[in-house]
C-alpha atoms as a PDB file:
ATOM      1  CA  UNK A   1     -13.420  12.086   3.478  1.00  0.00           C
ATOM      2  CA  UNK A   2     -14.039   9.466   0.845  1.00  0.00           C
ATOM      3  CA  UNK A   3     -13.265   6.022   2.215  1.00  0.00           C
ATOM      4  CA  UNK A   4     -12.088   3.506  -0.335  1.00  0.00           C
ATOM      5  CA  UNK A   5     -15.218   2.103  -1.936  1.00  0.00           C
ATOM      6  CA  UNK A   6     -13.871  -1.394  -2.317  1.00  0.00           C
ATOM      7  CA  UNK A   7     -10.613  -2.148  -0.519  1.00  0.00           C
ATOM      8  CA  UNK A   8      -9.990  -5.160  -2.743  1.00  0.00           C
ATOM      9  CA  UNK A   9      -9.618  -2.794  -5.705  1.00  0.00           C
ATOM     10  CA  UNK A  10      -6.602  -1.272  -3.934  1.00  0.00           C
ATOM     11  CA  UNK A  11      -4.718  -4.500  -3.279  1.00  0.00           C
ATOM     12  CA  UNK A  12      -2.039  -5.347  -5.828  1.00  0.00           C
ATOM     13  CA  UNK A  13       0.356  -8.230  -6.263  1.00  0.00           C
ATOM     14  CA  UNK A  14       3.937  -7.001  -6.455  1.00  0.00           C
ATOM     15  CA  UNK A  15       6.927  -9.332  -6.167  1.00  0.00           C
ATOM     16  CA  UNK A  16       4.544 -12.094  -5.158  1.00  0.00           C
ATOM     17  CA  UNK A  17       3.085 -10.162  -2.200  1.00  0.00           C
ATOM     18  CA  UNK A  18      -0.379  -8.676  -1.827  1.00  0.00           C
ATOM     19  CA  UNK A  19       0.251  -5.017  -1.075  1.00  0.00           C
ATOM     20  CA  UNK A  20      -1.482  -1.703  -0.560  1.00  0.00           C
ATOM     21  CA  UNK A  21       0.102   1.657  -1.259  1.00  0.00           C
ATOM     22  CA  UNK A  22       0.792   4.092   1.552  1.00  0.00           C
ATOM     23  CA  UNK A  23      -1.566   6.711   0.110  1.00  0.00           C
ATOM     24  CA  UNK A  24      -4.449   4.227   0.104  1.00  0.00           C
ATOM     25  CA  UNK A  25      -3.736   3.192   3.697  1.00  0.00           C
ATOM     26  CA  UNK A  26      -3.570   6.842   4.709  1.00  0.00           C
ATOM     27  CA  UNK A  27      -6.976   7.375   3.126  1.00  0.00           C
ATOM     28  CA  UNK A  28      -8.437   4.475   5.121  1.00  0.00           C
ATOM     29  CA  UNK A  29      -7.003   5.862   8.360  1.00  0.00           C
ATOM     30  CA  UNK A  30      -8.046   9.396   7.394  1.00  0.00           C
ATOM     31  CA  UNK A  31      -4.588  10.904   7.747  1.00  0.00           C
ATOM     32  CA  UNK A  32      -2.179  12.495   5.302  1.00  0.00           C
ATOM     33  CA  UNK A  33       0.324  10.107   3.762  1.00  0.00           C
ATOM     34  CA  UNK A  34       3.254  12.024   5.266  1.00  0.00           C
ATOM     35  CA  UNK A  35       1.863  11.455   8.783  1.00  0.00           C
ATOM     36  CA  UNK A  36       1.353   7.744   8.175  1.00  0.00           C
ATOM     37  CA  UNK A  37       4.935   7.434   6.930  1.00  0.00           C
ATOM     38  CA  UNK A  38       6.228   9.451   9.895  1.00  0.00           C
ATOM     39  CA  UNK A  39       4.536   7.070  12.342  1.00  0.00           C
ATOM     40  CA  UNK A  40       6.028   4.086  10.524  1.00  0.00           C
ATOM     41  CA  UNK A  41       9.514   5.642  10.776  1.00  0.00           C
ATOM     42  CA  UNK A  42       8.983   6.330  14.493  1.00  0.00           C
ATOM     43  CA  UNK A  43       7.898   2.727  15.094  1.00  0.00           C
ATOM     44  CA  UNK A  44      10.077   1.002  12.513  1.00  0.00           C
ATOM     45  CA  UNK A  45      10.714  -2.025  14.761  1.00  0.00           C
ATOM     46  CA  UNK A  46       7.060  -2.971  14.268  1.00  0.00           C
ATOM     47  CA  UNK A  47       7.429  -2.845  10.483  1.00  0.00           C
ATOM     48  CA  UNK A  48      10.671  -4.693   9.861  1.00  0.00           C
ATOM     49  CA  UNK A  49      11.122  -7.111   7.004  1.00  0.00           C
ATOM     50  CA  UNK A  50      10.674  -6.912   3.252  1.00  0.00           C
ATOM     51  CA  UNK A  51       7.523  -9.012   3.501  1.00  0.00           C
ATOM     52  CA  UNK A  52       5.798  -6.221   5.403  1.00  0.00           C
ATOM     53  CA  UNK A  53       7.032  -3.038   3.761  1.00  0.00           C
ATOM     54  CA  UNK A  54       9.154  -2.165   0.751  1.00  0.00           C
ATOM     55  CA  UNK A  55       9.474   0.587  -1.822  1.00  0.00           C
ATOM     56  CA  UNK A  56       8.218  -0.114  -5.301  1.00  0.00           C
ATOM     57  CA  UNK A  57       9.987   0.992  -8.450  1.00  0.00           C
ATOM     58  CA  UNK A  58       8.351   3.415 -10.893  1.00  0.00           C
ATOM     59  CA  UNK A  59       7.901   0.512 -13.318  1.00  0.00           C
ATOM     60  CA  UNK A  60       6.014  -1.505 -10.688  1.00  0.00           C
ATOM     61  CA  UNK A  61       3.721   1.431 -10.005  1.00  0.00           C
ATOM     62  CA  UNK A  62       2.934   1.763 -13.714  1.00  0.00           C
ATOM     63  CA  UNK A  63       2.084  -1.933 -13.928  1.00  0.00           C
ATOM     64  CA  UNK A  64      -0.320  -1.578 -10.987  1.00  0.00           C
ATOM     65  CA  UNK A  65      -2.052   1.340 -12.649  1.00  0.00           C
ATOM     66  CA  UNK A  66      -2.656  -0.790 -15.737  1.00  0.00           C
ATOM     67  CA  UNK A  67      -3.838  -3.979 -14.017  1.00  0.00           C
ATOM     68  CA  UNK A  68      -6.997  -4.620 -12.047  1.00  0.00           C
ATOM     69  CA  UNK A  69      -6.140  -6.800  -9.104  1.00  0.00           C
ATOM     70  CA  UNK A  70      -8.275  -9.731  -8.136  1.00  0.00           C
ATOM     71  CA  UNK A  71      -8.649 -11.476  -4.837  1.00  0.00           C
ATOM     72  CA  UNK A  72      -8.673 -14.864  -6.480  1.00  0.00           C
ATOM     73  CA  UNK A  73      -5.362 -16.311  -5.684  1.00  0.00           C
END
């Protein structure tokens, strides 16, 4: 299992929030993405609120693929 080399490279700013994608989090926790998402659904009360979890649009994903995020602020 390849851990993420530099976690900061997998943090993006979307809608003004610093976010990580589910597939990157699953890689960190060494589980398949579908199992991570299943656990979130089973414990949804712990993950309520748009500031914690939201779905990105295809356009937002494309922007993230074209931009290198920085931790600078």
